[in-house]
Amino acid sequence: MALQLTSKKVCVIGGDAAGLVAARELRNEGHEVVVFERGSQLGGVWIYSPEVESDPLGLDPTRKIVHTSLYDSLRTNLPREIMGFRDFPFIPSDNTNRDSRRFPSHQEVLRYLEDFAHKFDLNELIRYQTEVSHVGLEKDGKWIVKFKRAGQDDEGNEVSEIYDAVVICSGQYTEPQIADNIPGIDLWPGRQIHSHNYRTPEPYKDQ
């Protein structure tokens, strides 16, 4: 006798690799899935932006937050063969505009994730420019998710929805880790910057 699964309403937070594959598997099991992505496109950590934070060390709590650590010339340090999903291998594309190297650029990884989302119709599940501000467990075992949508809730109004389950796929590269016990660091006369805010080598030429 086959096990009868009950369809649940599930919230997935984050439109990166983990969020995309989680959304696909949950939908394949018959669940109603909504993906919240605060950015304007999928890809998470694989989205490059030249923008950096206002505090290059990341110590100022009032600094402008930039949610990416990707630098312009980054290539993967893992071969593509072990980066892909089992049923959607990360194989080189025949397109001449794509990066066919075994250790490809970050642009190629992002394109692979976009291909994956297109193949399995995942974009229809994603609410872009929607930032989750709170997740809490209710007394009945449900989860309340509060969020703001760019352009719609500019006055600070939060919207709340109830879900049966929540999957957190928001990544781990938002807050820089700063060493606080390096002797002499306060006396160093040069510029100090966390790698989170490194993008291109030009500012450091001849230094």
N, C-alpha and C. Protein backbone atom coordinates (compact mmCIF):
# COMPACT_ATOMS: atom_id res chain seq x y z
N MET A 1 0.85 -1.19 0.00
CA MET A 1 0.00 0.00 0.00
C MET A 1 0.89 1.24 0.00
N ALA A 2 0.68 2.14 -0.96
CA ALA A 2 1.51 3.33 -1.09
C ALA A 2 1.18 4.33 0.02
N LEU A 3 2.21 4.98 0.52
CA LEU A 3 2.02 5.98 1.55
C LEU A 3 1.39 7.23 0.95
N GLN A 4 0.31 7.68 1.56
CA GLN A 4 -0.39 8.87 1.09
C GLN A 4 0.17 10.10 1.80
N LEU A 5 0.82 10.97 1.06
CA LEU A 5 1.39 12.18 1.62
C LEU A 5 0.37 13.31 1.60
N THR A 6 0.36 14.11 2.65
CA THR A 6 -0.52 15.26 2.73
C THR A 6 0.21 16.48 2.21
N SER A 7 -0.40 17.17 1.29
CA SER A 7 0.22 18.36 0.73
C SER A 7 0.29 19.46 1.78
N LYS A 8 1.45 20.08 1.89
CA LYS A 8 1.67 21.15 2.84
C LYS A 8 2.01 22.45 2.11
N LYS A 9 1.80 23.56 2.79
CA LYS A 9 2.21 24.86 2.28
C LYS A 9 3.58 25.17 2.87
N VAL A 10 4.59 25.26 2.02
CA VAL A 10 5.97 25.38 2.48
C VAL A 10 6.61 26.65 1.95
N CYS A 11 7.30 27.37 2.83
CA CYS A 11 8.05 28.56 2.48
C CYS A 11 9.53 28.21 2.40
N VAL A 12 10.17 28.55 1.29
CA VAL A 12 11.62 28.39 1.13
C VAL A 12 12.24 29.79 1.10
N ILE A 13 13.18 30.05 1.99
CA ILE A 13 13.80 31.37 2.07
C ILE A 13 15.16 31.31 1.39
N GLY A 14 15.27 32.00 0.26
CA GLY A 14 16.52 32.04 -0.48
C GLY A 14 16.43 31.36 -1.83
N GLY A 15 16.75 32.12 -2.90
CA GLY A 15 16.69 31.59 -4.25
C GLY A 15 18.07 31.21 -4.78
N ASP A 16 18.89 30.59 -3.91
CA ASP A 16 20.21 30.14 -4.34
C ASP A 16 20.14 28.67 -4.74
N ALA A 17 21.29 28.01 -4.86
CA ALA A 17 21.31 26.61 -5.29
C ALA A 17 20.49 25.74 -4.34
N ALA A 18 20.69 25.91 -3.04
CA ALA A 18 19.97 25.10 -2.06
C ALA A 18 18.47 25.37 -2.11
N GLY A 19 18.10 26.64 -2.23
CA GLY A 19 16.69 26.99 -2.28
C GLY A 19 16.01 26.46 -3.52
N LEU A 20 16.71 26.50 -4.65
CA LEU A 20 16.12 26.02 -5.89
C LEU A 20 15.86 24.52 -5.86
N VAL A 21 16.84 23.76 -5.42
CA VAL A 21 16.66 22.31 -5.42
C VAL A 21 15.68 21.88 -4.34
N ALA A 22 15.65 22.60 -3.22
CA ALA A 22 14.66 22.30 -2.18
C ALA A 22 13.25 22.55 -2.71
N ALA A 23 13.07 23.66 -3.41
CA ALA A 23 11.75 23.98 -3.97
C ALA A 23 11.31 22.92 -4.97
N ARG A 24 12.24 22.48 -5.81
CA ARG A 24 11.87 21.47 -6.80
C ARG A 24 11.47 20.16 -6.14
N GLU A 25 12.24 19.71 -5.16
CA GLU A 25 11.93 18.44 -4.51
C GLU A 25 10.63 18.51 -3.72
N LEU A 26 10.39 19.63 -3.06
CA LEU A 26 9.14 19.78 -2.32
C LEU A 26 7.94 19.77 -3.26
N ARG A 27 8.06 20.47 -4.38
CA ARG A 27 6.96 20.47 -5.35
C ARG A 27 6.76 19.08 -5.95
N ASN A 28 7.85 18.37 -6.20
CA ASN A 28 7.74 17.01 -6.72
C ASN A 28 6.99 16.09 -5.76
N GLU A 29 7.05 16.41 -4.47
CA GLU A 29 6.33 15.61 -3.47
C GLU A 29 4.88 16.07 -3.30
N GLY A 30 4.48 17.06 -4.09
CA GLY A 30 3.10 17.50 -4.07
C GLY A 30 2.78 18.66 -3.16
N HIS A 31 3.82 19.32 -2.64
CA HIS A 31 3.58 20.43 -1.73
C HIS A 31 3.42 21.75 -2.49
N GLU A 32 2.75 22.69 -1.86
CA GLU A 32 2.60 24.05 -2.39
C GLU A 32 3.80 24.87 -1.91
N VAL A 33 4.61 25.35 -2.83
CA VAL A 33 5.89 25.96 -2.46
C VAL A 33 5.93 27.42 -2.88
N VAL A 34 6.43 28.26 -1.97
CA VAL A 34 6.71 29.66 -2.26
C VAL A 34 8.16 29.93 -1.88
N VAL A 35 8.93 30.53 -2.80
CA VAL A 35 10.33 30.87 -2.54
C VAL A 35 10.43 32.38 -2.38
N PHE A 36 11.01 32.82 -1.27
CA PHE A 36 11.24 34.24 -1.03
C PHE A 36 12.70 34.57 -1.37
N GLU A 37 12.89 35.52 -2.27
CA GLU A 37 14.24 35.95 -2.66
C GLU A 37 14.30 37.47 -2.58
N ARG A 38 15.20 37.99 -1.74
CA ARG A 38 15.25 39.44 -1.54
C ARG A 38 15.84 40.17 -2.73
N GLY A 39 16.63 39.48 -3.57
CA GLY A 39 17.21 40.10 -4.74
C GLY A 39 16.26 40.10 -5.92
N SER A 40 16.73 40.67 -7.02
CA SER A 40 15.90 40.75 -8.22
C SER A 40 16.14 39.58 -9.16
N GLN A 41 17.03 38.66 -8.78
CA GLN A 41 17.29 37.48 -9.60
C GLN A 41 17.70 36.32 -8.70
N LEU A 42 17.62 35.12 -9.22
CA LEU A 42 18.04 33.96 -8.45
C LEU A 42 19.56 33.83 -8.50
N GLY A 43 20.11 33.00 -7.62
CA GLY A 43 21.54 32.74 -7.67
C GLY A 43 22.29 32.94 -6.38
N GLY A 44 21.74 33.72 -5.45
CA GLY A 44 22.38 33.89 -4.16
C GLY A 44 23.81 34.38 -4.24
N VAL A 45 24.73 33.62 -3.65
CA VAL A 45 26.13 34.01 -3.55
C VAL A 45 26.81 34.13 -4.92
N TRP A 46 26.19 33.57 -5.97
CA TRP A 46 26.80 33.59 -7.30
C TRP A 46 26.43 34.83 -8.11
N ILE A 47 25.76 35.78 -7.50
CA ILE A 47 25.43 37.03 -8.18
C ILE A 47 26.51 38.05 -7.88
N TYR A 48 27.19 38.53 -8.90
CA TYR A 48 28.26 39.51 -8.71
C TYR A 48 27.70 40.93 -8.69
N SER A 49 28.25 41.75 -7.79
CA SER A 49 27.94 43.18 -7.76
C SER A 49 29.22 43.93 -7.45
N PRO A 50 29.52 45.01 -8.18
CA PRO A 50 30.70 45.80 -7.87
C PRO A 50 30.54 46.63 -6.60
N GLU A 51 29.35 46.70 -6.09
CA GLU A 51 29.07 47.50 -4.90
C GLU A 51 29.73 46.88 -3.66
N VAL A 52 30.27 47.74 -2.79
CA VAL A 52 30.85 47.28 -1.54
C VAL A 52 30.21 48.04 -0.38
N GLU A 53 30.47 47.57 0.83
CA GLU A 53 29.87 48.19 2.00
C GLU A 53 30.56 49.51 2.33
N SER A 54 29.85 50.38 3.04
CA SER A 54 30.39 51.69 3.39
C SER A 54 31.54 51.58 4.38
N ASP A 55 31.57 50.55 5.20
CA ASP A 55 32.69 50.28 6.10
C ASP A 55 33.44 49.08 5.55
N PRO A 56 34.67 49.27 5.04
CA PRO A 56 35.39 48.17 4.38
C PRO A 56 35.74 47.01 5.31
N LEU A 57 35.77 47.25 6.63
CA LEU A 57 36.04 46.17 7.57
C LEU A 57 34.77 45.48 8.06
N GLY A 58 33.64 46.11 7.87
CA GLY A 58 32.38 45.51 8.29
C GLY A 58 32.12 45.60 9.78
N LEU A 59 32.72 46.56 10.46
CA LEU A 59 32.55 46.69 11.91
C LEU A 59 31.40 47.62 12.29
N ASP A 60 31.12 48.60 11.46
CA ASP A 60 30.11 49.61 11.77
C ASP A 60 28.71 49.00 11.63
N PRO A 61 27.96 48.91 12.73
CA PRO A 61 26.62 48.30 12.65
C PRO A 61 25.64 49.12 11.82
N THR A 62 25.96 50.39 11.56
CA THR A 62 25.07 51.23 10.77
C THR A 62 25.49 51.27 9.30
N ARG A 63 26.49 50.47 8.92
CA ARG A 63 26.99 50.49 7.55
C ARG A 63 25.93 50.01 6.57
N LYS A 64 26.09 50.40 5.33
CA LYS A 64 25.24 49.87 4.27
C LYS A 64 25.65 48.42 4.01
N ILE A 65 24.70 47.51 4.09
CA ILE A 65 24.99 46.08 3.95
C ILE A 65 24.92 45.68 2.48
N VAL A 66 25.94 44.97 2.02
CA VAL A 66 25.95 44.38 0.68
C VAL A 66 25.98 42.87 0.85
N HIS A 67 25.02 42.19 0.27
CA HIS A 67 24.85 40.76 0.52
C HIS A 67 25.57 39.89 -0.51
N THR A 68 26.82 40.19 -0.77
CA THR A 68 27.61 39.31 -1.63
C THR A 68 29.08 39.52 -1.31
N SER A 69 29.85 38.43 -1.44
CA SER A 69 31.30 38.49 -1.24
C SER A 69 32.04 38.14 -2.52
N LEU A 70 31.33 38.06 -3.61
CA LEU A 70 31.91 37.60 -4.87
C LEU A 70 32.81 38.66 -5.49
N TYR A 71 34.03 38.26 -5.87
CA TYR A 71 34.89 39.21 -6.57
C TYR A 71 34.91 38.89 -8.07
N ASP A 72 35.28 39.88 -8.86
CA ASP A 72 35.06 39.84 -10.30
C ASP A 72 35.76 38.69 -11.01
N SER A 73 36.97 38.36 -10.60
CA SER A 73 37.75 37.34 -11.32
C SER A 73 37.61 35.95 -10.74
N LEU A 74 36.66 35.74 -9.84
CA LEU A 74 36.54 34.45 -9.16
C LEU A 74 36.20 33.32 -10.12
N ARG A 75 36.93 32.20 -9.93
CA ARG A 75 36.60 30.93 -10.57
C ARG A 75 36.39 29.91 -9.48
N THR A 76 35.67 28.84 -9.77
CA THR A 76 35.41 27.83 -8.76
C THR A 76 36.70 27.12 -8.37
N ASN A 77 36.77 26.68 -7.12
CA ASN A 77 37.88 25.84 -6.68
C ASN A 77 37.46 24.38 -6.59
N LEU A 78 36.30 24.09 -7.14
CA LEU A 78 35.80 22.72 -7.28
C LEU A 78 35.55 22.45 -8.76
N PRO A 79 35.83 21.24 -9.23
CA PRO A 79 35.52 20.92 -10.62
C PRO A 79 34.02 20.85 -10.83
N ARG A 80 33.58 21.22 -12.00
CA ARG A 80 32.15 21.28 -12.28
C ARG A 80 31.46 19.94 -12.09
N GLU A 81 32.20 18.83 -12.23
CA GLU A 81 31.58 17.50 -12.12
C GLU A 81 30.95 17.25 -10.76
N ILE A 82 31.47 17.90 -9.70
CA ILE A 82 30.91 17.65 -8.37
C ILE A 82 30.04 18.82 -7.88
N MET A 83 29.81 19.80 -8.75
CA MET A 83 28.99 20.94 -8.36
C MET A 83 27.54 20.82 -8.83
N GLY A 84 27.28 19.95 -9.76
CA GLY A 84 25.95 19.86 -10.34
C GLY A 84 25.01 18.96 -9.56
N PHE A 85 23.73 19.08 -9.84
CA PHE A 85 22.72 18.20 -9.28
C PHE A 85 22.74 16.86 -10.02
N ARG A 86 22.42 15.79 -9.32
CA ARG A 86 22.57 14.45 -9.87
C ARG A 86 21.84 14.27 -11.20
N ASP A 87 20.63 14.78 -11.29
CA ASP A 87 19.84 14.57 -12.51
C ASP A 87 19.92 15.78 -13.45
N PHE A 88 20.83 16.71 -13.16
CA PHE A 88 21.03 17.86 -14.03
C PHE A 88 22.51 18.22 -13.97
N PRO A 89 23.37 17.42 -14.60
CA PRO A 89 24.82 17.58 -14.48
C PRO A 89 25.29 18.95 -14.98
N PHE A 90 26.35 19.42 -14.36
CA PHE A 90 26.95 20.70 -14.72
C PHE A 90 27.99 20.45 -15.83
N ILE A 91 27.49 20.12 -17.00
CA ILE A 91 28.37 19.79 -18.12
C ILE A 91 28.62 21.03 -18.96
N PRO A 92 29.78 21.07 -19.67
CA PRO A 92 30.05 22.23 -20.52
C PRO A 92 28.97 22.41 -21.59
N SER A 93 28.61 23.66 -21.83
CA SER A 93 27.60 23.97 -22.83
C SER A 93 28.23 24.05 -24.22
N ASP A 94 27.46 23.72 -25.24
CA ASP A 94 27.93 23.86 -26.62
C ASP A 94 27.95 25.31 -27.08
N ASN A 95 27.32 26.18 -26.32
CA ASN A 95 27.26 27.60 -26.66
C ASN A 95 28.65 28.22 -26.53
N THR A 96 29.11 28.88 -27.57
CA THR A 96 30.45 29.47 -27.55
C THR A 96 30.59 30.62 -26.57
N ASN A 97 29.47 31.16 -26.12
CA ASN A 97 29.51 32.26 -25.16
C ASN A 97 29.62 31.78 -23.71
N ARG A 98 29.62 30.46 -23.53
CA ARG A 98 29.69 29.89 -22.19
C ARG A 98 31.11 29.48 -21.84
N ASP A 99 31.37 29.32 -20.56
CA ASP A 99 32.69 28.95 -20.04
C ASP A 99 32.74 27.43 -19.90
N SER A 100 33.53 26.78 -20.73
CA SER A 100 33.58 25.32 -20.75
C SER A 100 34.68 24.75 -19.86
N ARG A 101 35.42 25.59 -19.16
CA ARG A 101 36.52 25.11 -18.33
C ARG A 101 36.02 24.22 -17.19
N ARG A 102 36.89 23.32 -16.74
CA ARG A 102 36.52 22.43 -15.66
C ARG A 102 36.31 23.20 -14.36
N PHE A 103 37.08 24.27 -14.16
CA PHE A 103 36.91 25.16 -13.02
C PHE A 103 36.42 26.50 -13.57
N PRO A 104 35.13 26.62 -13.78
CA PRO A 104 34.60 27.77 -14.52
C PRO A 104 34.49 29.04 -13.67
N SER A 105 34.15 30.12 -14.34
CA SER A 105 33.93 31.41 -13.69
C SER A 105 32.61 31.41 -12.92
N HIS A 106 32.47 32.40 -12.05
CA HIS A 106 31.22 32.52 -11.30
C HIS A 106 30.04 32.80 -12.22
N GLN A 107 30.29 33.47 -13.36
CA GLN A 107 29.20 33.72 -14.31
C GLN A 107 28.62 32.42 -14.84
N GLU A 108 29.48 31.43 -15.07
CA GLU A 108 29.02 30.14 -15.59
C GLU A 108 28.19 29.38 -14.56
N VAL A 109 28.58 29.48 -13.30
CA VAL A 109 27.80 28.83 -12.25
C VAL A 109 26.40 29.45 -12.17
N LEU A 110 26.34 30.77 -12.26
CA LEU A 110 25.04 31.44 -12.22
C LEU A 110 24.18 31.02 -13.41
N ARG A 111 24.78 30.91 -14.57
CA ARG A 111 24.03 30.47 -15.75
C ARG A 111 23.53 29.04 -15.59
N TYR A 112 24.33 28.21 -14.97
CA TYR A 112 23.89 26.83 -14.70
C TYR A 112 22.65 26.83 -13.79
N LEU A 113 22.66 27.65 -12.75
CA LEU A 113 21.50 27.72 -11.87
C LEU A 113 20.28 28.27 -12.60
N GLU A 114 20.50 29.24 -13.48
CA GLU A 114 19.40 29.77 -14.28
C GLU A 114 18.86 28.70 -15.22
N ASP A 115 19.74 27.90 -15.79
CA ASP A 115 19.31 26.79 -16.66
C ASP A 115 18.48 25.79 -15.86
N PHE A 116 18.92 25.49 -14.64
CA PHE A 116 18.21 24.55 -13.78
C PHE A 116 16.81 25.06 -13.46
N ALA A 117 16.71 26.33 -13.11
CA ALA A 117 15.40 26.91 -12.79
C ALA A 117 14.49 26.91 -14.00
N HIS A 118 15.04 27.20 -15.18
CA HIS A 118 14.25 27.19 -16.40
C HIS A 118 13.77 25.79 -16.74
N LYS A 119 14.66 24.82 -16.62
CA LYS A 119 14.34 23.43 -16.96
C LYS A 119 13.16 22.91 -16.14
N PHE A 120 13.12 23.27 -14.87
CA PHE A 120 12.10 22.73 -13.97
C PHE A 120 11.04 23.76 -13.58
N ASP A 121 10.93 24.85 -14.36
CA ASP A 121 9.87 25.85 -14.16
C ASP A 121 9.81 26.36 -12.72
N LEU A 122 10.96 26.71 -12.17
CA LEU A 122 11.01 27.16 -10.79
C LEU A 122 10.76 28.66 -10.62
N ASN A 123 10.97 29.43 -11.68
CA ASN A 123 10.78 30.88 -11.57
C ASN A 123 9.36 31.25 -11.15
N GLU A 124 8.42 30.41 -11.54
CA GLU A 124 7.03 30.70 -11.20
C GLU A 124 6.77 30.58 -9.70
N LEU A 125 7.69 29.96 -8.96
CA LEU A 125 7.54 29.79 -7.52
C LEU A 125 8.18 30.92 -6.72
N ILE A 126 9.00 31.75 -7.38
CA ILE A 126 9.85 32.71 -6.67
C ILE A 126 9.20 34.09 -6.60
N ARG A 127 9.20 34.66 -5.40
CA ARG A 127 8.80 36.04 -5.21
C ARG A 127 10.08 36.86 -5.06
N TYR A 128 10.43 37.56 -6.11
CA TYR A 128 11.66 38.35 -6.09
C TYR A 128 11.48 39.65 -5.32
N GLN A 129 12.60 40.22 -4.89
CA GLN A 129 12.63 41.48 -4.14
C GLN A 129 11.67 41.43 -2.94
N THR A 130 11.71 40.29 -2.27
CA THR A 130 10.88 40.07 -1.09
C THR A 130 11.79 39.59 0.04
N GLU A 131 11.94 40.41 1.07
CA GLU A 131 12.87 40.11 2.15
C GLU A 131 12.14 39.68 3.41
N VAL A 132 12.48 38.51 3.90
CA VAL A 132 11.88 37.98 5.12
C VAL A 132 12.52 38.65 6.33
N SER A 133 11.69 39.14 7.24
CA SER A 133 12.18 39.83 8.44
C SER A 133 11.95 39.02 9.71
N HIS A 134 11.06 38.03 9.65
CA HIS A 134 10.76 37.26 10.86
C HIS A 134 10.15 35.92 10.49
N VAL A 135 10.58 34.89 11.21
CA VAL A 135 9.96 33.57 11.13
C VAL A 135 9.70 33.11 12.55
N GLY A 136 8.47 32.73 12.85
CA GLY A 136 8.13 32.33 14.22
C GLY A 136 7.16 31.16 14.25
N LEU A 137 7.30 30.33 15.27
CA LEU A 137 6.44 29.17 15.45
C LEU A 137 5.18 29.57 16.20
N GLU A 138 4.04 29.24 15.66
CA GLU A 138 2.76 29.53 16.28
C GLU A 138 2.34 28.39 17.20
N LYS A 139 1.34 28.63 18.04
CA LYS A 139 0.90 27.63 19.01
C LYS A 139 0.34 26.38 18.36
N ASP A 140 -0.21 26.51 17.16
CA ASP A 140 -0.81 25.36 16.50
C ASP A 140 0.20 24.58 15.66
N GLY A 141 1.49 24.93 15.79
CA GLY A 141 2.51 24.21 15.04
C GLY A 141 2.78 24.77 13.66
N LYS A 142 2.01 25.78 13.27
CA LYS A 142 2.25 26.46 12.00
C LYS A 142 3.37 27.49 12.16
N TRP A 143 3.84 28.02 11.03
CA TRP A 143 4.89 29.03 11.05
C TRP A 143 4.39 30.34 10.46
N ILE A 144 4.65 31.43 11.18
CA ILE A 144 4.33 32.75 10.64
C ILE A 144 5.58 33.33 10.01
N VAL A 145 5.43 33.83 8.80
CA VAL A 145 6.54 34.43 8.06
C VAL A 145 6.17 35.87 7.75
N LYS A 146 7.00 36.81 8.22
CA LYS A 146 6.78 38.23 7.96
C LYS A 146 7.80 38.70 6.94
N PHE A 147 7.36 39.54 6.01
CA PHE A 147 8.26 39.95 4.94
C PHE A 147 7.86 41.32 4.40
N LYS A 148 8.81 41.92 3.68
CA LYS A 148 8.57 43.19 3.00
C LYS A 148 8.90 43.03 1.53
N ARG A 149 8.13 43.65 0.68
CA ARG A 149 8.34 43.59 -0.76
C ARG A 149 8.82 44.93 -1.27
N ALA A 150 9.91 44.93 -1.97
CA ALA A 150 10.49 46.18 -2.50
C ALA A 150 9.49 46.88 -3.40
N GLY A 151 9.31 48.18 -3.15
CA GLY A 151 8.39 48.95 -3.98
C GLY A 151 6.95 48.90 -3.53
N GLN A 152 6.62 47.93 -2.70
CA GLN A 152 5.23 47.80 -2.25
C GLN A 152 5.06 48.11 -0.77
N ASP A 153 6.14 47.90 0.00
CA ASP A 153 6.04 48.09 1.44
C ASP A 153 7.10 49.09 1.90
N ASP A 154 7.30 50.15 1.11
CA ASP A 154 8.35 51.11 1.40
C ASP A 154 8.09 51.91 2.69
N GLU A 155 6.88 51.88 3.17
CA GLU A 155 6.57 52.61 4.40
C GLU A 155 6.89 51.78 5.63
N GLY A 156 7.51 50.63 5.44
CA GLY A 156 7.90 49.79 6.57
C GLY A 156 6.85 48.78 6.97
N ASN A 157 5.77 48.70 6.21
CA ASN A 157 4.72 47.75 6.55
C ASN A 157 5.16 46.32 6.23
N GLU A 158 4.96 45.42 7.18
CA GLU A 158 5.26 44.02 6.97
C GLU A 158 3.99 43.26 6.59
N VAL A 159 4.17 42.24 5.78
CA VAL A 159 3.08 41.35 5.41
C VAL A 159 3.33 40.02 6.07
N SER A 160 2.30 39.38 6.58
CA SER A 160 2.44 38.09 7.26
C SER A 160 1.68 37.01 6.51
N GLU A 161 2.27 35.82 6.46
CA GLU A 161 1.61 34.64 5.91
C GLU A 161 1.91 33.44 6.79
N ILE A 162 1.02 32.46 6.76
CA ILE A 162 1.17 31.27 7.58
C ILE A 162 1.54 30.07 6.70
N TYR A 163 2.51 29.29 7.16
CA TYR A 163 2.99 28.11 6.42
C TYR A 163 3.04 26.90 7.35
N ASP A 164 2.95 25.74 6.73
CA ASP A 164 3.10 24.49 7.49
C ASP A 164 4.56 24.20 7.82
N ALA A 165 5.46 24.65 6.97
CA ALA A 165 6.88 24.40 7.18
C ALA A 165 7.70 25.50 6.52
N VAL A 166 8.92 25.69 7.01
CA VAL A 166 9.83 26.69 6.47
C VAL A 166 11.20 26.04 6.26
N VAL A 167 11.78 26.30 5.10
CA VAL A 167 13.12 25.82 4.79
C VAL A 167 14.03 27.03 4.63
N ILE A 168 15.10 27.10 5.43
CA ILE A 168 16.01 28.24 5.39
C ILE A 168 17.17 27.93 4.46
N CYS A 169 17.29 28.69 3.37
CA CYS A 169 18.36 28.51 2.39
C CYS A 169 19.00 29.86 2.06
N SER A 170 19.21 30.67 3.09
CA SER A 170 19.63 32.05 2.87
C SER A 170 21.14 32.25 2.89
N GLY A 171 21.91 31.20 3.04
CA GLY A 171 23.36 31.34 2.95
C GLY A 171 24.00 31.81 4.24
N GLN A 172 25.33 31.98 4.18
CA GLN A 172 26.09 32.27 5.40
C GLN A 172 27.13 33.38 5.21
N TYR A 173 27.02 34.16 4.14
CA TYR A 173 28.08 35.11 3.84
C TYR A 173 27.65 36.57 3.96
N THR A 174 26.79 36.87 4.92
CA THR A 174 26.34 38.24 5.09
C THR A 174 27.20 39.01 6.08
N GLU A 175 27.54 38.39 7.20
CA GLU A 175 28.31 39.07 8.25
C GLU A 175 29.77 38.67 8.20
N PRO A 176 30.68 39.63 7.95
CA PRO A 176 32.12 39.31 7.95
C PRO A 176 32.60 38.90 9.33
N GLN A 177 33.50 37.93 9.38
CA GLN A 177 34.14 37.53 10.62
C GLN A 177 35.43 38.32 10.77
N ILE A 178 35.58 39.04 11.86
CA ILE A 178 36.72 39.92 12.07
C ILE A 178 37.58 39.39 13.22
N ALA A 179 38.88 39.21 12.98
CA ALA A 179 39.80 38.82 14.04
C ALA A 179 40.00 40.01 14.99
N ASP A 180 39.91 39.76 16.29
CA ASP A 180 39.97 40.86 17.25
C ASP A 180 41.20 40.83 18.15
N ASN A 181 42.14 39.95 17.88
CA ASN A 181 43.29 39.85 18.78
C ASN A 181 44.60 39.75 18.01
N ILE A 182 44.75 40.55 16.97
CA ILE A 182 46.00 40.59 16.21
C ILE A 182 46.87 41.70 16.78
N PRO A 183 48.00 41.36 17.39
CA PRO A 183 48.85 42.40 18.00
C PRO A 183 49.30 43.44 16.97
N GLY A 184 49.13 44.72 17.31
CA GLY A 184 49.59 45.80 16.47
C GLY A 184 48.64 46.23 15.38
N ILE A 185 47.48 45.58 15.27
CA ILE A 185 46.59 45.91 14.16
C ILE A 185 46.08 47.36 14.25
N ASP A 186 45.94 47.87 15.48
CA ASP A 186 45.47 49.25 15.64
C ASP A 186 46.53 50.27 15.24
N LEU A 187 47.79 49.83 15.16
CA LEU A 187 48.88 50.73 14.80
C LEU A 187 49.20 50.70 13.32
N TRP A 188 48.60 49.78 12.61
CA TRP A 188 48.88 49.65 11.17
C TRP A 188 48.40 50.89 10.44
N PRO A 189 49.29 51.60 9.71
CA PRO A 189 48.91 52.86 9.07
C PRO A 189 48.18 52.70 7.74
N GLY A 190 48.24 51.50 7.18
CA GLY A 190 47.63 51.28 5.87
C GLY A 190 46.14 51.02 5.94
N ARG A 191 45.56 50.84 4.79
CA ARG A 191 44.12 50.58 4.70
C ARG A 191 43.81 49.14 5.12
N GLN A 192 42.76 48.97 5.87
CA GLN A 192 42.31 47.64 6.27
C GLN A 192 40.96 47.36 5.61
N ILE A 193 40.85 46.18 5.04
CA ILE A 193 39.62 45.80 4.34
C ILE A 193 39.36 44.32 4.54
N HIS A 194 38.12 43.99 4.74
CA HIS A 194 37.74 42.57 4.81
C HIS A 194 37.55 42.04 3.39
N SER A 195 37.89 40.77 3.18
CA SER A 195 37.78 40.19 1.84
C SER A 195 36.35 40.23 1.30
N HIS A 196 35.38 40.35 2.19
CA HIS A 196 33.98 40.51 1.79
C HIS A 196 33.80 41.71 0.85
N ASN A 197 34.67 42.71 1.01
CA ASN A 197 34.55 43.94 0.23
C ASN A 197 35.60 44.05 -0.87
N TYR A 198 36.27 42.96 -1.19
CA TYR A 198 37.21 42.97 -2.31
C TYR A 198 36.47 42.63 -3.60
N ARG A 199 36.72 43.41 -4.67
CA ARG A 199 36.07 43.16 -5.95
C ARG A 199 37.08 43.03 -7.10
N THR A 200 37.98 44.02 -7.23
CA THR A 200 38.94 44.03 -8.34
C THR A 200 40.30 44.43 -7.82
N PRO A 201 41.39 44.07 -8.52
CA PRO A 201 42.74 44.36 -8.03
C PRO A 201 43.23 45.78 -8.31
N GLU A 202 42.57 46.50 -9.19
CA GLU A 202 43.08 47.82 -9.61
C GLU A 202 43.36 48.79 -8.45
N PRO A 203 42.51 48.86 -7.43
CA PRO A 203 42.79 49.81 -6.33
C PRO A 203 44.08 49.52 -5.58
N TYR A 204 44.64 48.31 -5.77
CA TYR A 204 45.81 47.91 -5.00
C TYR A 204 47.06 47.81 -5.87
N LYS A 205 46.97 48.32 -7.08
CA LYS A 205 48.10 48.27 -8.00
C LYS A 205 49.31 48.99 -7.42
N ASP A 206 50.49 48.36 -7.52
CA ASP A 206 51.77 48.90 -7.07
C ASP A 206 51.87 49.04 -5.55
N GLN A 207 50.96 48.43 -4.82
CA GLN A 207 51.04 48.48 -3.35
C GLN A 207 51.69 47.20 -2.83
